[in-house]
Amino acid sequence: MSRRLLEGRTAVITGGASGMGRASSVRFAQEGAHVVIVDRDVAATEETVAEIRSAGGSVEQHVLDLSDQLALAPWVERFGHDTVDVLFCHAGVPGPPGWKFDAEAWNETMVVNVWAPMELTRLLLPRLRRSASASCIYTASTSGLRAVPGLLTYAASKSALVGFVRSLAVQLAPEGIRANAICPGATDTPALRRDIEDGTVRASLEAIAEHIPMRRLGSTDDVAGVALFLASDASSYLTGLALPIDGGATA
């Protein structure tokens, strides 16, 4: 029997209870990781934990609101693991559309999408350094790589995150710690379906797919598979990437 890709490793996943984050939590656990789910949605976290445990996976849950800047350091102090092998900062917020931002909405988007990943990396860096194969993964977006009208605040936050990841990769490369960003395009998630239902996104899933060369939206498993690759030793010589997962849309 072949060894699982993340056997014996500890993986922290923020936003790991729904959509792409949930698919990644399940996939990492299937590949042998002890998954630490960090999410503010208690019910969704409990459901994800139950799914993983029912399949024999190893998992624990932590309720944490990443928009609370005073909460991160105390949480890390209580965190019970000496070593972190994978830090997957997936949690994010969409931010206000177009010009409809005020200081509070803009700040929340930047805190959750940029500051929280940076701060968690800084706080967990001593534990990442104890790993023999540490990998840091950050969920950005194709909005951080190309122009997308109407997503001014969100695009600004994801562009900033990509810049952070590239600089982090170069800074940590001599220590053997890798850092990469994944940049999903249109992905069929519960959040996208809610946005279509409430009119935030004024297009059907079918209409969105028509503008993608592969003629389909991404799935949560598509994203989880790439995250697993970047978390594993299969990508041991890759760092500083901002990798689109978009069916060829940015090509």
Protein backbone atom coordinates (compact mmCIF):
# COMPACT_ATOMS: atom_id res chain seq x y z
CA MET A 1 0.00 0.00 0.00
CA SER A 2 1.45 3.37 -1.01
CA ARG A 3 2.07 6.03 1.60
CA ARG A 4 -0.47 8.84 1.64
CA LEU A 5 0.78 12.24 0.48
CA LEU A 6 0.37 14.06 3.81
CA GLU A 7 0.83 11.17 6.20
CA GLY A 8 1.67 12.37 9.72
CA ARG A 9 1.57 16.07 8.88
CA THR A 10 -0.37 18.83 10.60
CA ALA A 11 -2.29 21.14 8.28
CA VAL A 12 -3.96 24.36 9.42
CA ILE A 13 -6.74 25.46 7.06
CA THR A 14 -8.54 28.75 7.60
CA GLY A 15 -12.00 28.92 6.09
CA GLY A 16 -11.85 25.15 6.01
CA ALA A 17 -15.54 24.49 6.70
CA SER A 18 -17.27 25.35 3.43
CA GLY A 19 -16.81 25.37 -0.33
CA MET A 20 -13.24 25.07 -1.54
CA GLY A 21 -11.94 25.10 2.03
CA ARG A 22 -14.16 22.20 3.05
CA ALA A 23 -13.16 20.16 0.00
CA SER A 24 -9.52 20.78 0.90
CA SER A 25 -10.03 19.81 4.54
CA VAL A 26 -11.60 16.52 3.48
CA ARG A 27 -8.95 15.82 0.84
CA PHE A 28 -6.03 16.61 3.16
CA ALA A 29 -7.48 14.30 5.81
CA GLN A 30 -7.92 11.53 3.24
CA GLU A 31 -4.22 11.89 2.46
CA GLY A 32 -3.22 11.38 6.09
CA ALA A 33 -2.97 14.90 7.47
CA HIS A 34 -4.20 15.92 10.90
CA VAL A 35 -6.42 18.81 9.81
CA VAL A 36 -6.91 21.87 12.00
CA ILE A 37 -10.01 23.67 10.71
CA VAL A 38 -10.16 27.36 11.61
CA ASP A 39 -13.50 28.96 10.76
CA ARG A 40 -16.05 31.33 12.22
CA ASP A 41 -19.08 29.28 11.09
CA VAL A 42 -19.69 26.88 13.97
CA ALA A 43 -22.37 24.77 12.29
CA ALA A 44 -20.43 24.34 9.04
CA THR A 45 -17.29 23.47 10.96
CA GLU A 46 -19.06 20.82 13.00
CA GLU A 47 -20.51 19.29 9.82
CA THR A 48 -17.09 19.16 8.16
CA VAL A 49 -15.47 17.66 11.23
CA ALA A 50 -18.19 15.01 11.41
CA GLU A 51 -17.68 14.13 7.73
CA ILE A 52 -13.94 13.72 8.18
CA ARG A 53 -14.23 11.68 11.37
CA SER A 54 -16.87 9.41 9.85
CA ALA A 55 -14.32 8.50 7.18
CA GLY A 56 -11.64 7.80 9.78
CA GLY A 57 -9.76 11.08 9.35
CA SER A 58 -7.95 13.09 12.00
CA VAL A 59 -9.33 16.59 12.59
CA GLU A 60 -9.95 19.28 15.15
CA GLN A 61 -11.93 22.50 15.04
CA HIS A 62 -11.23 26.04 16.18
CA VAL A 63 -13.77 28.84 15.99
CA LEU A 64 -12.02 32.08 15.10
CA ASP A 65 -13.16 35.29 13.40
CA LEU A 66 -10.20 36.49 11.34
CA SER A 67 -11.65 40.00 11.16
CA ASP A 68 -10.95 40.34 14.90
CA GLN A 69 -7.35 41.55 14.86
CA LEU A 70 -7.04 41.13 18.62
CA ALA A 71 -8.00 37.44 18.52
CA LEU A 72 -5.23 35.93 16.38
CA ALA A 73 -2.28 36.14 18.76
CA PRO A 74 -4.19 34.70 21.77
CA TRP A 75 -5.45 31.87 19.55
CA VAL A 76 -1.92 30.98 18.44
CA GLU A 77 -0.79 31.02 22.08
CA ARG A 78 -3.49 28.44 22.87
CA PHE A 79 -2.74 26.40 19.77
CA GLY A 80 -1.63 22.98 20.88
CA HIS A 81 0.81 21.85 18.19
CA ASP A 82 4.57 22.39 18.28
CA THR A 83 4.94 21.87 14.52
CA VAL A 84 2.87 23.01 11.55
CA ASP A 85 3.66 21.37 8.23
CA VAL A 86 1.03 23.06 6.08
CA LEU A 87 -0.53 26.49 6.54
CA PHE A 88 -3.39 26.97 4.08
CA CYS A 89 -4.85 30.47 4.42
CA HIS A 90 -8.05 30.04 2.46
CA ALA A 91 -10.53 32.24 4.34
CA GLY A 92 -11.61 35.40 2.58
CA VAL A 93 -14.47 37.83 2.13
CA PRO A 94 -15.83 39.27 -1.13
CA GLY A 95 -15.77 42.89 -0.08
CA PRO A 96 -18.21 45.57 -1.23
CA PRO A 97 -19.01 45.85 -4.96
CA GLY A 98 -17.73 48.68 -7.14
CA TRP A 99 -17.60 52.06 -5.46
CA LYS A 100 -19.92 51.00 -2.66
CA PHE A 101 -17.23 50.85 -0.04
CA ASP A 102 -16.72 52.87 3.09
CA ALA A 103 -13.75 52.76 5.43
CA GLU A 104 -15.26 50.00 7.57
CA ALA A 105 -16.05 47.66 4.66
CA TRP A 106 -12.72 48.34 2.97
CA ASN A 107 -10.80 47.71 6.18
CA GLU A 108 -12.61 44.44 6.91
CA THR A 109 -11.81 43.14 3.43
CA MET A 110 -8.14 44.02 3.76
CA VAL A 111 -7.91 42.62 7.28
CA VAL A 112 -9.41 39.23 6.39
CA ASN A 113 -7.90 38.87 2.91
CA VAL A 114 -4.42 40.31 3.50
CA TRP A 115 -3.56 41.12 7.10
CA ALA A 116 -4.84 37.87 8.65
CA PRO A 117 -2.81 35.60 6.31
CA MET A 118 0.28 37.73 6.92
CA GLU A 119 -0.22 37.75 10.68
CA LEU A 120 -0.95 34.03 10.93
CA THR A 121 2.18 33.31 8.91
CA ARG A 122 4.25 35.50 11.23
CA LEU A 123 2.78 33.95 14.37
CA LEU A 124 3.06 30.35 13.18
CA LEU A 125 6.49 30.74 11.56
CA PRO A 126 8.38 29.20 14.53
CA ARG A 127 6.22 26.08 14.19
CA LEU A 128 6.61 26.00 10.41
CA ARG A 129 10.38 26.12 10.89
CA ARG A 130 10.18 22.88 12.90
CA SER A 131 8.75 21.05 9.90
CA ALA A 132 11.00 19.17 7.51
CA SER A 133 8.80 20.14 4.56
CA ALA A 134 6.76 23.24 5.40
CA SER A 135 4.38 24.56 2.77
CA CYS A 136 2.34 27.76 2.97
CA ILE A 137 -0.61 28.12 0.59
CA TYR A 138 -2.80 31.19 0.14
CA THR A 139 -6.07 31.51 -1.74
CA ALA A 140 -5.90 34.59 -3.93
CA SER A 141 -8.00 34.89 -7.09
CA THR A 142 -7.75 35.49 -10.80
CA SER A 143 -9.01 38.94 -9.76
CA GLY A 144 -5.54 39.45 -8.32
CA LEU A 145 -3.94 38.68 -11.69
CA ARG A 146 -6.12 40.53 -14.20
CA ALA A 147 -8.69 43.29 -14.35
CA VAL A 148 -12.23 42.43 -13.26
CA PRO A 149 -14.71 45.35 -13.43
CA GLY A 150 -16.79 45.92 -10.34
CA LEU A 151 -14.48 44.16 -7.89
CA LEU A 152 -12.29 47.08 -6.90
CA THR A 153 -11.80 46.31 -3.21
CA TYR A 154 -11.64 42.54 -3.66
CA ALA A 155 -9.17 42.80 -6.54
CA ALA A 156 -6.99 45.18 -4.55
CA SER A 157 -6.89 42.75 -1.63
CA LYS A 158 -6.08 39.72 -3.75
CA SER A 159 -3.40 41.60 -5.71
CA ALA A 160 -1.82 42.55 -2.40
CA LEU A 161 -1.96 38.94 -1.24
CA VAL A 162 -0.19 37.74 -4.40
CA GLY A 163 2.54 40.34 -3.82
CA PHE A 164 2.96 39.18 -0.24
CA VAL A 165 3.22 35.52 -1.28
CA ARG A 166 5.88 36.19 -3.89
CA SER A 167 7.98 38.19 -1.47
CA LEU A 168 7.46 35.64 1.30
CA ALA A 169 8.56 32.81 -0.98
CA VAL A 170 11.86 34.50 -1.74
CA GLN A 171 12.43 35.41 1.90
CA LEU A 172 11.78 31.90 3.24
CA ALA A 173 13.29 29.86 0.40
CA PRO A 174 16.74 29.60 2.06
CA GLU A 175 15.02 27.98 5.06
CA GLY A 176 13.28 25.38 2.91
CA ILE A 177 9.80 26.81 3.53
CA ARG A 178 7.69 27.15 0.41
CA ALA A 179 4.91 29.70 -0.25
CA ASN A 180 2.49 29.66 -3.14
CA ALA A 181 -0.82 31.25 -4.05
CA ILE A 182 -3.70 29.56 -5.80
CA CYS A 183 -5.92 31.81 -7.90
CA PRO A 184 -9.34 30.26 -8.53
CA GLY A 185 -11.53 31.65 -11.26
CA ALA A 186 -15.28 31.07 -11.41
CA THR A 187 -15.90 28.09 -9.12
CA ASP A 188 -19.18 26.40 -8.34
CA THR A 189 -19.47 26.99 -4.61
CA PRO A 190 -22.41 27.57 -2.25
CA ALA A 191 -21.29 31.20 -1.98
CA LEU A 192 -21.47 31.75 -5.77
CA ARG A 193 -24.91 30.14 -5.92
CA ARG A 194 -26.13 32.43 -3.11
CA ASP A 195 -24.75 35.47 -4.94
CA ILE A 196 -26.63 34.45 -8.08
CA GLU A 197 -29.85 33.90 -6.14
CA ASP A 198 -29.74 37.28 -4.39
CA GLY A 199 -28.71 39.19 -7.52
CA THR A 200 -25.18 40.08 -6.41
CA VAL A 201 -23.96 38.16 -9.46
CA ARG A 202 -26.20 38.89 -12.43
CA ALA A 203 -25.52 35.80 -14.49
CA SER A 204 -26.41 32.14 -14.41
CA LEU A 205 -23.89 29.36 -13.90
CA GLU A 206 -24.39 28.44 -17.55
CA ALA A 207 -23.73 32.00 -18.74
CA ILE A 208 -20.54 32.21 -16.69
CA ALA A 209 -19.34 28.90 -18.10
CA GLU A 210 -19.73 30.16 -21.67
CA HIS A 211 -16.85 32.59 -21.10
CA ILE A 212 -14.46 29.87 -19.88
CA PRO A 213 -12.41 28.03 -22.53
CA MET A 214 -13.13 24.65 -20.89
CA ARG A 215 -16.85 25.53 -20.93
CA ARG A 216 -17.43 24.69 -17.29
CA LEU A 217 -16.96 26.23 -13.89
CA GLY A 218 -14.30 24.94 -11.57
CA SER A 219 -15.35 22.54 -8.85
CA THR A 220 -14.31 22.65 -5.22
CA ASP A 221 -12.44 19.39 -5.84
CA ASP A 222 -10.46 21.05 -8.66
CA VAL A 223 -9.15 23.59 -6.15
CA ALA A 224 -8.58 21.00 -3.42
CA GLY A 225 -6.50 18.90 -5.78
CA VAL A 226 -4.16 21.77 -6.59
CA ALA A 227 -3.89 22.71 -2.91
CA LEU A 228 -3.00 19.10 -2.10
CA PHE A 229 -0.30 19.13 -4.77
CA LEU A 230 1.22 22.32 -3.34
CA ALA A 231 1.04 20.94 0.21
CA SER A 232 2.81 17.72 -0.72
CA ASP A 233 6.38 16.83 -1.60
CA ALA A 234 5.27 16.45 -5.23
CA SER A 235 5.75 20.23 -5.52
CA SER A 236 8.95 20.43 -3.46
CA TYR A 237 10.76 22.67 -5.99
CA LEU A 238 7.87 25.10 -6.51
CA THR A 239 7.66 28.35 -4.61
CA GLY A 240 6.51 31.88 -5.38
CA LEU A 241 3.75 30.76 -7.76
CA ALA A 242 0.42 32.50 -8.31
CA LEU A 243 -1.33 29.62 -10.03
CA PRO A 244 -4.62 30.21 -11.89
CA ILE A 245 -7.25 27.48 -11.53
CA ASP A 246 -9.68 28.80 -14.10
CA GLY A 247 -10.15 26.48 -17.06
CA GLY A 248 -7.92 28.63 -19.24
CA ALA A 249 -9.74 31.93 -18.65
CA THR A 250 -6.62 33.99 -17.92
CA ALA A 251 -4.75 32.41 -20.85
